[in-house]
Amino acid sequence: MPQDTANKNLCKHTQDAQKFLVTTTKGMAYIHGTATKMTVCIDNAQHPLVIDSGAHCSIVAKDYQNNHFQNWEKQLFPTKKKKFTNESGKMTSIGTIIKEIIIPQSTGNIRLNPEFVVLDDAHIQGFLLGTDYQRMYVIDICNSKNKQITIGTNKEKKFSLDICQISTHDPLEEVLNEFREVQFSTSLTCKKTQFTKNAEEK
C-alpha cells in the first residue's frame, strides 16, 4: 500500500535508503546518471529512442526528420495552440507525426504507434518518448543493475536498453594524453607519424 505522507506526524521512524551503487569520490555522483535510451526500428531502419520521464510530450526535431525521412511533411497533423518550452526558452511546433515503432525482443517484438510533436528549433538526434505515451502504454523504467523497461501489465517481460552514459569526455585531453604517451626513443619518428595519422583521422 502507498504510504500517506500528507501528515508528517505519522512519520515516527526514519531509516536510510540502501545505496546499490556507492560513489567513492565526493562531488562526482553525477557521472553515474544515465539516459533511458534504446535502439528501435522505424521504417525498416534503426533509430535512437530516449524514454524521458521528465518530458510531458513526445517530440522529434525537424532537422532529424529532414535527414532521415523523405516526404514526411505530407504526414503532418496540425497541432492545437500550445506552448512548448525547454531550458533555452520557447520552441516552435510545426505539427505532429505518427510513427510506427518496433521494439526488438528475442521472444517477440512490440509495436508502438506514438504521435510525436515536430519541433522546428529542437536539436535532438533521434526520437524522445515523453510521459504522454509512457502513461498510455504503461511503460515503467527499472533502475536495476541492468537498466530495463516493462511495457503494459506484464512486468515479467523486460526490454533491455542501450545505456547512454553522461559524457565527461574531453577530446582535447585525449589528444594530449596520446601525445604524452609518445616515447622519446630511437623510434620517435615512426611514433610521431602514427600520432599525426591518428589526429587526422579524428
Foldseek 3Di string as FASTA:
>chain_A
DDDDPPDVVVCPDDDDDDDPDDDDDPPPPQQPDWWFWAWWAWPNDIFIETEDAVDAAKADEPVLCVVPHPPQVVQFDADDDDWDADPVGTWDFPGKHWIWIWQDDPVDIDIDTGIHTYTHPDDDRGIYGYVVVCVVQVWDWDPDPFTWIDTHPPPVDTGGGDIGGDDPDDVVVVLVVLVVPQDPDPCNVVSVVVSVVVVVVD
